[in-house]
Amino acid sequence: MQDAEALAVWLSEHVLAQGHPDEHVNAPPYQRLHDLGIEPRTPDRLDRILASASSAFEERFCTETAAGCALSGALNRSLWLCIKYQGR
């Protein structure tokens, strides 16, 4: 479990932050696991780890973007809510 969490953090910070297209995000985690000497996860488990990493990346991106905006508090909160709930 701890390996999966560490992999999700690594993916969100190093792979997803680079803007890799969806079809190219599967190779880096397998390489990372290999480099760390950790047995690869099943494809279903890797999909769940990738989904968790993607969610963490998007939340961090939105938080950092909203924090960097020089907007009023109410407008900034409205923007954040729009971004946060856009795809749900």
PDB file of N, CA and C in Angstrom:
ATOM      1  N   MET A   1       0.825  -1.197   0.000  1.00  0.00           N
ATOM      2  CA  MET A   1       0.000   0.000   0.000  1.00  0.00           C
ATOM      3  C   MET A   1       0.863   1.252   0.000  1.00  0.00           C
ATOM      4  N   GLN A   2       1.906   1.254   0.813  1.00  0.00           N
ATOM      5  CA  GLN A   2       2.782   2.408   0.883  1.00  0.00           C
ATOM      6  C   GLN A   2       3.487   2.623  -0.457  1.00  0.00           C
ATOM      7  N   ASP A   3       3.858   1.529  -1.128  1.00  0.00           N
ATOM      8  CA  ASP A   3       4.481   1.638  -2.452  1.00  0.00           C
ATOM      9  C   ASP A   3       3.522   2.289  -3.438  1.00  0.00           C
ATOM     10  N   ALA A   4       2.249   1.921  -3.371  1.00  0.00           N
ATOM     11  CA  ALA A   4       1.248   2.474  -4.286  1.00  0.00           C
ATOM     12  C   ALA A   4       1.071   3.970  -4.054  1.00  0.00           C
ATOM     13  N   GLU A   5       1.049   4.382  -2.805  1.00  0.00           N
ATOM     14  CA  GLU A   5       0.913   5.806  -2.493  1.00  0.00           C
ATOM     15  C   GLU A   5       2.130   6.582  -2.979  1.00  0.00           C
ATOM     16  N   ALA A   6       3.317   6.026  -2.767  1.00  0.00           N
ATOM     17  CA  ALA A   6       4.540   6.681  -3.220  1.00  0.00           C
ATOM     18  C   ALA A   6       4.564   6.776  -4.746  1.00  0.00           C
ATOM     19  N   LEU A   7       4.099   5.714  -5.415  1.00  0.00           N
ATOM     20  CA  LEU A   7       4.051   5.732  -6.874  1.00  0.00           C
ATOM     21  C   LEU A   7       3.064   6.786  -7.363  1.00  0.00           C
ATOM     22  N   ALA A   8       1.927   6.910  -6.713  1.00  0.00           N
ATOM     23  CA  ALA A   8       0.930   7.916  -7.104  1.00  0.00           C
ATOM     24  C   ALA A   8       1.493   9.324  -6.950  1.00  0.00           C
ATOM     25  N   VAL A   9       2.206   9.572  -5.861  1.00  0.00           N
ATOM     26  CA  VAL A   9       2.823  10.889  -5.655  1.00  0.00           C
ATOM     27  C   VAL A   9       3.855  11.147  -6.741  1.00  0.00           C
ATOM     28  N   TRP A  10       4.701  10.172  -7.002  1.00  0.00           N
ATOM     29  CA  TRP A  10       5.731  10.314  -8.036  1.00  0.00           C
ATOM     30  C   TRP A  10       5.098  10.591  -9.400  1.00  0.00           C
ATOM     31  N   LEU A  11       4.048   9.847  -9.735  1.00  0.00           N
ATOM     32  CA  LEU A  11       3.361  10.050 -11.013  1.00  0.00           C
ATOM     33  C   LEU A  11       2.793  11.460 -11.117  1.00  0.00           C
ATOM     34  N   SER A  12       2.141  11.936 -10.056  1.00  0.00           N
ATOM     35  CA  SER A  12       1.520  13.261 -10.114  1.00  0.00           C
ATOM     36  C   SER A  12       2.562  14.366 -10.216  1.00  0.00           C
ATOM     37  N   GLU A  13       3.723  14.155  -9.620  1.00  0.00           N
ATOM     38  CA  GLU A  13       4.751  15.190  -9.631  1.00  0.00           C
ATOM     39  C   GLU A  13       5.667  15.140 -10.847  1.00  0.00           C
ATOM     40  N   HIS A  14       5.894  13.949 -11.403  1.00  0.00           N
ATOM     41  CA  HIS A  14       6.900  13.820 -12.455  1.00  0.00           C
ATOM     42  C   HIS A  14       6.359  13.432 -13.828  1.00  0.00           C
ATOM     43  N   VAL A  15       5.303  12.667 -13.871  1.00  0.00           N
ATOM     44  CA  VAL A  15       4.789  12.204 -15.161  1.00  0.00           C
ATOM     45  C   VAL A  15       3.626  13.077 -15.616  1.00  0.00           C
ATOM     46  N   LEU A  16       2.596  13.170 -14.796  1.00  0.00           N
ATOM     47  CA  LEU A  16       1.413  13.934 -15.182  1.00  0.00           C
ATOM     48  C   LEU A  16       1.714  15.423 -15.284  1.00  0.00           C
ATOM     49  N   ALA A  17       2.629  15.912 -14.486  1.00  0.00           N
ATOM     50  CA  ALA A  17       2.996  17.329 -14.532  1.00  0.00           C
ATOM     51  C   ALA A  17       3.683  17.693 -15.847  1.00  0.00           C
ATOM     52  N   GLN A  18       4.202  16.697 -16.553  1.00  0.00           N
ATOM     53  CA  GLN A  18       4.863  16.937 -17.832  1.00  0.00           C
ATOM     54  C   GLN A  18       3.874  16.949 -18.990  1.00  0.00           C
ATOM     55  N   GLY A  19       2.618  16.668 -18.714  1.00  0.00           N
ATOM     56  CA  GLY A  19       1.586  16.726 -19.748  1.00  0.00           C
ATOM     57  C   GLY A  19       1.641  15.585 -20.744  1.00  0.00           C
ATOM     58  N   HIS A  20       2.052  14.401 -20.287  1.00  0.00           N
ATOM     59  CA  HIS A  20       2.095  13.250 -21.181  1.00  0.00           C
ATOM     60  C   HIS A  20       0.690  12.898 -21.656  1.00  0.00           C
ATOM     61  N   PRO A  21       0.541  12.563 -22.933  1.00  0.00           N
ATOM     62  CA  PRO A  21      -0.770  12.076 -23.399  1.00  0.00           C
ATOM     63  C   PRO A  21      -1.134  10.784 -22.671  1.00  0.00           C
ATOM     64  N   ASP A  22      -2.414  10.504 -22.572  1.00  0.00           N
ATOM     65  CA  ASP A  22      -2.885   9.346 -21.815  1.00  0.00           C
ATOM     66  C   ASP A  22      -2.199   8.042 -22.204  1.00  0.00           C
ATOM     67  N   GLU A  23      -1.954   7.842 -23.487  1.00  0.00           N
ATOM     68  CA  GLU A  23      -1.372   6.569 -23.919  1.00  0.00           C
ATOM     69  C   GLU A  23       0.090   6.419 -23.505  1.00  0.00           C
ATOM     70  N   HIS A  24       0.708   7.488 -23.015  1.00  0.00           N
ATOM     71  CA  HIS A  24       2.114   7.420 -22.627  1.00  0.00           C
ATOM     72  C   HIS A  24       2.340   7.416 -21.119  1.00  0.00           C
ATOM     73  N   VAL A  25       1.303   7.321 -20.329  1.00  0.00           N
ATOM     74  CA  VAL A  25       1.491   7.348 -18.885  1.00  0.00           C
ATOM     75  C   VAL A  25       1.678   5.967 -18.276  1.00  0.00           C
ATOM     76  N   ASN A  26       1.510   4.899 -19.025  1.00  0.00           N
ATOM     77  CA  ASN A  26       1.670   3.561 -18.470  1.00  0.00           C
ATOM     78  C   ASN A  26       3.122   3.114 -18.381  1.00  0.00           C
ATOM     79  N   ALA A  27       3.971   3.510 -19.302  1.00  0.00           N
ATOM     80  CA  ALA A  27       5.364   3.063 -19.293  1.00  0.00           C
ATOM     81  C   ALA A  27       6.165   3.605 -18.105  1.00  0.00           C
ATOM     82  N   PRO A  28       6.080   4.900 -17.790  1.00  0.00           N
ATOM     83  CA  PRO A  28       6.898   5.407 -16.676  1.00  0.00           C
ATOM     84  C   PRO A  28       6.668   4.722 -15.330  1.00  0.00           C
ATOM     85  N   PRO A  29       5.423   4.396 -14.939  1.00  0.00           N
ATOM     86  CA  PRO A  29       5.281   3.723 -13.640  1.00  0.00           C
ATOM     87  C   PRO A  29       5.927   2.342 -13.608  1.00  0.00           C
ATOM     88  N   TYR A  30       5.822   1.600 -14.709  1.00  0.00           N
ATOM     89  CA  TYR A  30       6.465   0.285 -14.743  1.00  0.00           C
ATOM     90  C   TYR A  30       7.980   0.432 -14.648  1.00  0.00           C
ATOM     91  N   GLN A  31       8.532   1.428 -15.330  1.00  0.00           N
ATOM     92  CA  GLN A  31       9.969   1.671 -15.264  1.00  0.00           C
ATOM     93  C   GLN A  31      10.367   2.089 -13.855  1.00  0.00           C
ATOM     94  N   ARG A  32       9.565   2.941 -13.229  1.00  0.00           N
ATOM     95  CA  ARG A  32       9.848   3.404 -11.871  1.00  0.00           C
ATOM     96  C   ARG A  32       9.848   2.228 -10.893  1.00  0.00           C
ATOM     97  N   LEU A  33       8.856   1.359 -10.996  1.00  0.00           N
ATOM     98  CA  LEU A  33       8.803   0.184 -10.130  1.00  0.00           C
ATOM     99  C   LEU A  33      10.025  -0.703 -10.353  1.00  0.00           C
ATOM    100  N   HIS A  34      10.399  -0.889 -11.612  1.00  0.00           N
ATOM    101  CA  HIS A  34      11.580  -1.690 -11.944  1.00  0.00           C
ATOM    102  C   HIS A  34      12.831  -1.073 -11.315  1.00  0.00           C
ATOM    103  N   ASP A  35      12.985   0.253 -11.466  1.00  0.00           N
ATOM    104  CA  ASP A  35      14.153   0.950 -10.915  1.00  0.00           C
ATOM    105  C   ASP A  35      14.241   0.816  -9.395  1.00  0.00           C
ATOM    106  N   LEU A  36      13.082   0.770  -8.731  1.00  0.00           N
ATOM    107  CA  LEU A  36      13.045   0.649  -7.275  1.00  0.00           C
ATOM    108  C   LEU A  36      13.092  -0.801  -6.796  1.00  0.00           C
ATOM    109  N   GLY A  37      13.084  -1.752  -7.740  1.00  0.00           N
ATOM    110  CA  GLY A  37      13.111  -3.161  -7.377  1.00  0.00           C
ATOM    111  C   GLY A  37      11.804  -3.653  -6.794  1.00  0.00           C
ATOM    112  N   ILE A  38      10.694  -3.044  -7.221  1.00  0.00           N
ATOM    113  CA  ILE A  38       9.367  -3.414  -6.729  1.00  0.00           C
ATOM    114  C   ILE A  38       8.644  -4.173  -7.836  1.00  0.00           C
ATOM    115  N   GLU A  39       8.012  -5.273  -7.459  1.00  0.00           N
ATOM    116  CA  GLU A  39       7.286  -6.064  -8.441  1.00  0.00           C
ATOM    117  C   GLU A  39       6.131  -5.241  -9.020  1.00  0.00           C
ATOM    118  N   PRO A  40       5.974  -5.256 -10.349  1.00  0.00           N
ATOM    119  CA  PRO A  40       4.914  -4.456 -10.982  1.00  0.00           C
ATOM    120  C   PRO A  40       3.522  -4.842 -10.494  1.00  0.00           C
ATOM    121  N   ARG A  41       2.662  -3.869 -10.484  1.00  0.00           N
ATOM    122  CA  ARG A  41       1.268  -4.061 -10.105  1.00  0.00           C
ATOM    123  C   ARG A  41       0.501  -4.675 -11.274  1.00  0.00           C
ATOM    124  N   THR A  42      -0.696  -5.179 -10.968  1.00  0.00           N
ATOM    125  CA  THR A  42      -1.565  -5.660 -12.038  1.00  0.00           C
ATOM    126  C   THR A  42      -2.050  -4.449 -12.832  1.00  0.00           C
ATOM    127  N   PRO A  43      -2.456  -4.640 -14.080  1.00  0.00           N
ATOM    128  CA  PRO A  43      -2.956  -3.499 -14.871  1.00  0.00           C
ATOM    129  C   PRO A  43      -4.122  -2.775 -14.199  1.00  0.00           C
ATOM    130  N   ASP A  44      -5.039  -3.515 -13.566  1.00  0.00           N
ATOM    131  CA  ASP A  44      -6.169  -2.871 -12.880  1.00  0.00           C
ATOM    132  C   ASP A  44      -5.694  -2.021 -11.713  1.00  0.00           C
ATOM    133  N   ARG A  45      -4.731  -2.535 -10.958  1.00  0.00           N
ATOM    134  CA  ARG A  45      -4.200  -1.788  -9.810  1.00  0.00           C
ATOM    135  C   ARG A  45      -3.463  -0.549 -10.291  1.00  0.00           C
ATOM    136  N   LEU A  46      -2.714  -0.689 -11.374  1.00  0.00           N
ATOM    137  CA  LEU A  46      -2.000   0.454 -11.925  1.00  0.00           C
ATOM    138  C   LEU A  46      -2.984   1.519 -12.413  1.00  0.00           C
ATOM    139  N   ASP A  47      -4.099   1.097 -12.997  1.00  0.00           N
ATOM    140  CA  ASP A  47      -5.124   2.059 -13.423  1.00  0.00           C
ATOM    141  C   ASP A  47      -5.659   2.848 -12.230  1.00  0.00           C
ATOM    142  N   ARG A  48      -5.868   2.174 -11.101  1.00  0.00           N
ATOM    143  CA  ARG A  48      -6.358   2.866  -9.904  1.00  0.00           C
ATOM    144  C   ARG A  48      -5.299   3.832  -9.356  1.00  0.00           C
ATOM    145  N   ILE A  49      -4.038   3.421  -9.394  1.00  0.00           N
ATOM    146  CA  ILE A  49      -2.954   4.298  -8.940  1.00  0.00           C
ATOM    147  C   ILE A  49      -2.855   5.513  -9.849  1.00  0.00           C
ATOM    148  N   LEU A  50      -2.959   5.295 -11.161  1.00  0.00           N
ATOM    149  CA  LEU A  50      -2.925   6.406 -12.117  1.00  0.00           C
ATOM    150  C   LEU A  50      -4.094   7.361 -11.898  1.00  0.00           C
ATOM    151  N   ALA A  51      -5.275   6.817 -11.633  1.00  0.00           N
ATOM    152  CA  ALA A  51      -6.447   7.666 -11.375  1.00  0.00           C
ATOM    153  C   ALA A  51      -6.237   8.503 -10.118  1.00  0.00           C
ATOM    154  N   SER A  52      -5.670   7.900  -9.085  1.00  0.00           N
ATOM    155  CA  SER A  52      -5.384   8.628  -7.848  1.00  0.00           C
ATOM    156  C   SER A  52      -4.351   9.718  -8.101  1.00  0.00           C
ATOM    157  N   ALA A  53      -3.317   9.397  -8.854  1.00  0.00           N
ATOM    158  CA  ALA A  53      -2.273  10.377  -9.167  1.00  0.00           C
ATOM    159  C   ALA A  53      -2.830  11.519 -10.000  1.00  0.00           C
ATOM    160  N   SER A  54      -3.683  11.192 -10.951  1.00  0.00           N
ATOM    161  CA  SER A  54      -4.283  12.215 -11.806  1.00  0.00           C
ATOM    162  C   SER A  54      -5.159  13.151 -10.991  1.00  0.00           C
ATOM    163  N   SER A  55      -5.943  12.584 -10.080  1.00  0.00           N
ATOM    164  CA  SER A  55      -6.792  13.400  -9.215  1.00  0.00           C
ATOM    165  C   SER A  55      -5.952  14.320  -8.340  1.00  0.00           C
ATOM    166  N   ALA A  56      -4.881  13.788  -7.759  1.00  0.00           N
ATOM    167  CA  ALA A  56      -4.001  14.603  -6.910  1.00  0.00           C
ATOM    168  C   ALA A  56      -3.339  15.711  -7.722  1.00  0.00           C
ATOM    169  N   PHE A  57      -2.910  15.381  -8.946  1.00  0.00           N
ATOM    170  CA  PHE A  57      -2.282  16.388  -9.801  1.00  0.00           C
ATOM    171  C   PHE A  57      -3.270  17.508 -10.133  1.00  0.00           C
ATOM    172  N   GLU A  58      -4.486  17.134 -10.540  1.00  0.00           N
ATOM    173  CA  GLU A  58      -5.484  18.133 -10.908  1.00  0.00           C
ATOM    174  C   GLU A  58      -5.847  19.030  -9.720  1.00  0.00           C
ATOM    175  N   GLU A  59      -5.981  18.425  -8.541  1.00  0.00           N
ATOM    176  CA  GLU A  59      -6.321  19.225  -7.358  1.00  0.00           C
ATOM    177  C   GLU A  59      -5.184  20.197  -7.025  1.00  0.00           C
ATOM    178  N   ARG A  60      -3.944  19.702  -7.078  1.00  0.00           N
ATOM    179  CA  ARG A  60      -2.802  20.574  -6.793  1.00  0.00           C
ATOM    180  C   ARG A  60      -2.692  21.678  -7.838  1.00  0.00           C
ATOM    181  N   PHE A  61      -2.886  21.334  -9.105  1.00  0.00           N
ATOM    182  CA  PHE A  61      -2.821  22.320 -10.185  1.00  0.00           C
ATOM    183  C   PHE A  61      -3.869  23.414  -9.978  1.00  0.00           C
ATOM    184  N   CYS A  62      -5.093  23.017  -9.661  1.00  0.00           N
ATOM    185  CA  CYS A  62      -6.166  23.991  -9.451  1.00  0.00           C
ATOM    186  C   CYS A  62      -5.894  24.869  -8.234  1.00  0.00           C
ATOM    187  N   THR A  63      -5.405  24.252  -7.171  1.00  0.00           N
ATOM    188  CA  THR A  63      -5.102  25.006  -5.955  1.00  0.00           C
ATOM    189  C   THR A  63      -4.011  26.030  -6.221  1.00  0.00           C
ATOM    190  N   GLU A  64      -2.950  25.604  -6.899  1.00  0.00           N
ATOM    191  CA  GLU A  64      -1.849  26.520  -7.189  1.00  0.00           C
ATOM    192  C   GLU A  64      -2.270  27.612  -8.165  1.00  0.00           C
ATOM    193  N   THR A  65      -3.112  27.255  -9.129  1.00  0.00           N
ATOM    194  CA  THR A  65      -3.589  28.251 -10.091  1.00  0.00           C
ATOM    195  C   THR A  65      -4.471  29.276  -9.402  1.00  0.00           C
ATOM    196  N   ALA A  66      -5.398  28.800  -8.583  1.00  0.00           N
ATOM    197  CA  ALA A  66      -6.294  29.716  -7.874  1.00  0.00           C
ATOM    198  C   ALA A  66      -5.514  30.606  -6.905  1.00  0.00           C
ATOM    199  N   ALA A  67      -4.511  30.032  -6.247  1.00  0.00           N
ATOM    200  CA  ALA A  67      -3.717  30.810  -5.294  1.00  0.00           C
ATOM    201  C   ALA A  67      -2.915  31.897  -6.005  1.00  0.00           C
ATOM    202  N   GLY A  68      -2.550  31.655  -7.240  1.00  0.00           N
ATOM    203  CA  GLY A  68      -1.759  32.616  -7.993  1.00  0.00           C
ATOM    204  C   GLY A  68      -2.581  33.727  -8.628  1.00  0.00           C
ATOM    205  N   CYS A  69      -3.866  33.567  -8.611  1.00  0.00           N
ATOM    206  CA  CYS A  69      -4.725  34.588  -9.211  1.00  0.00           C
ATOM    207  C   CYS A  69      -4.849  35.783  -8.276  1.00  0.00           C
ATOM    208  N   ALA A  70      -4.794  36.955  -8.856  1.00  0.00           N
ATOM    209  CA  ALA A  70      -4.928  38.177  -8.055  1.00  0.00           C
ATOM    210  C   ALA A  70      -6.371  38.661  -8.125  1.00  0.00           C
ATOM    211  N   LEU A  71      -7.304  37.786  -7.817  1.00  0.00           N
ATOM    212  CA  LEU A  71      -8.725  38.109  -7.879  1.00  0.00           C
ATOM    213  C   LEU A  71      -9.266  38.330  -6.473  1.00  0.00           C
ATOM    214  N   SER A  72     -10.417  38.936  -6.395  1.00  0.00           N
ATOM    215  CA  SER A  72     -11.054  39.109  -5.086  1.00  0.00           C
ATOM    216  C   SER A  72     -11.387  37.736  -4.511  1.00  0.00           C
ATOM    217  N   GLY A  73     -11.561  37.675  -3.200  1.00  0.00           N
ATOM    218  CA  GLY A  73     -11.838  36.410  -2.532  1.00  0.00           C
ATOM    219  C   GLY A  73     -13.060  35.697  -3.078  1.00  0.00           C
ATOM    220  N   ALA A  74     -14.167  36.424  -3.282  1.00  0.00           N
ATOM    221  CA  ALA A  74     -15.406  35.807  -3.761  1.00  0.00           C
ATOM    222  C   ALA A  74     -15.238  35.297  -5.188  1.00  0.00           C
ATOM    223  N   LEU A  75     -14.606  36.086  -6.031  1.00  0.00           N
ATOM    224  CA  LEU A  75     -14.403  35.670  -7.415  1.00  0.00           C
ATOM    225  C   LEU A  75     -13.425  34.503  -7.483  1.00  0.00           C
ATOM    226  N   ASN A  76     -12.393  34.559  -6.664  1.00  0.00           N
ATOM    227  CA  ASN A  76     -11.417  33.479  -6.617  1.00  0.00           C
ATOM    228  C   ASN A  76     -12.094  32.176  -6.196  1.00  0.00           C
ATOM    229  N   ARG A  77     -12.971  32.223  -5.184  1.00  0.00           N
ATOM    230  CA  ARG A  77     -13.678  31.021  -4.732  1.00  0.00           C
ATOM    231  C   ARG A  77     -14.608  30.503  -5.820  1.00  0.00           C
ATOM    232  N   SER A  78     -15.291  31.384  -6.519  1.00  0.00           N
ATOM    233  CA  SER A  78     -16.177  30.963  -7.605  1.00  0.00           C
ATOM    234  C   SER A  78     -15.391  30.281  -8.710  1.00  0.00           C
ATOM    235  N   LEU A  79     -14.238  30.845  -9.044  1.00  0.00           N
ATOM    236  CA  LEU A  79     -13.381  30.232 -10.061  1.00  0.00           C
ATOM    237  C   LEU A  79     -12.935  28.854  -9.613  1.00  0.00           C
ATOM    238  N   TRP A  80     -12.507  28.733  -8.371  1.00  0.00           N
ATOM    239  CA  TRP A  80     -12.063  27.450  -7.836  1.00  0.00           C
ATOM    240  C   TRP A  80     -13.177  26.407  -7.912  1.00  0.00           C
ATOM    241  N   LEU A  81     -14.389  26.795  -7.509  1.00  0.00           N
ATOM    242  CA  LEU A  81     -15.509  25.840  -7.549  1.00  0.00           C
ATOM    243  C   LEU A  81     -15.838  25.418  -8.967  1.00  0.00           C
ATOM    244  N   CYS A  82     -15.769  26.336  -9.903  1.00  0.00           N
ATOM    245  CA  CYS A  82     -16.017  26.002 -11.305  1.00  0.00           C
ATOM    246  C   CYS A  82     -14.991  24.995 -11.814  1.00  0.00           C
ATOM    247  N   ILE A  83     -13.740  25.230 -11.496  1.00  0.00           N
ATOM    248  CA  ILE A  83     -12.671  24.333 -11.936  1.00  0.00           C
ATOM    249  C   ILE A  83     -12.803  22.980 -11.253  1.00  0.00           C
ATOM    250  N   LYS A  84     -13.038  22.993  -9.952  1.00  0.00           N
ATOM    251  CA  LYS A  84     -13.094  21.753  -9.177  1.00  0.00           C
ATOM    252  C   LYS A  84     -14.210  20.835  -9.634  1.00  0.00           C
ATOM    253  N   TYR A  85     -15.362  21.391  -9.945  1.00  0.00           N
ATOM    254  CA  TYR A  85     -16.520  20.564 -10.287  1.00  0.00           C
ATOM    255  C   TYR A  85     -16.796  20.497 -11.784  1.00  0.00           C
ATOM    256  N   GLN A  86     -15.866  20.956 -12.574  1.00  0.00           N
ATOM    257  CA  GLN A  86     -16.051  20.999 -14.030  1.00  0.00           C
ATOM    258  C   GLN A  86     -16.362  19.631 -14.625  1.00  0.00           C
ATOM    259  N   GLY A  87     -15.590  18.612 -14.275  1.00  0.00           N
ATOM    260  CA  GLY A  87     -15.760  17.307 -14.899  1.00  0.00           C
ATOM    261  C   GLY A  87     -16.614  16.342 -14.121  1.00  0.00           C
ATOM    262  N   ARG A  88     -17.272  16.783 -13.093  1.00  0.00           N
ATOM    263  CA  ARG A  88     -18.028  15.827 -12.250  1.00  0.00           C
ATOM    264  C   ARG A  88     -19.489  15.868 -12.506  1.00  0.00           C
TER     265      ARG A  88
END
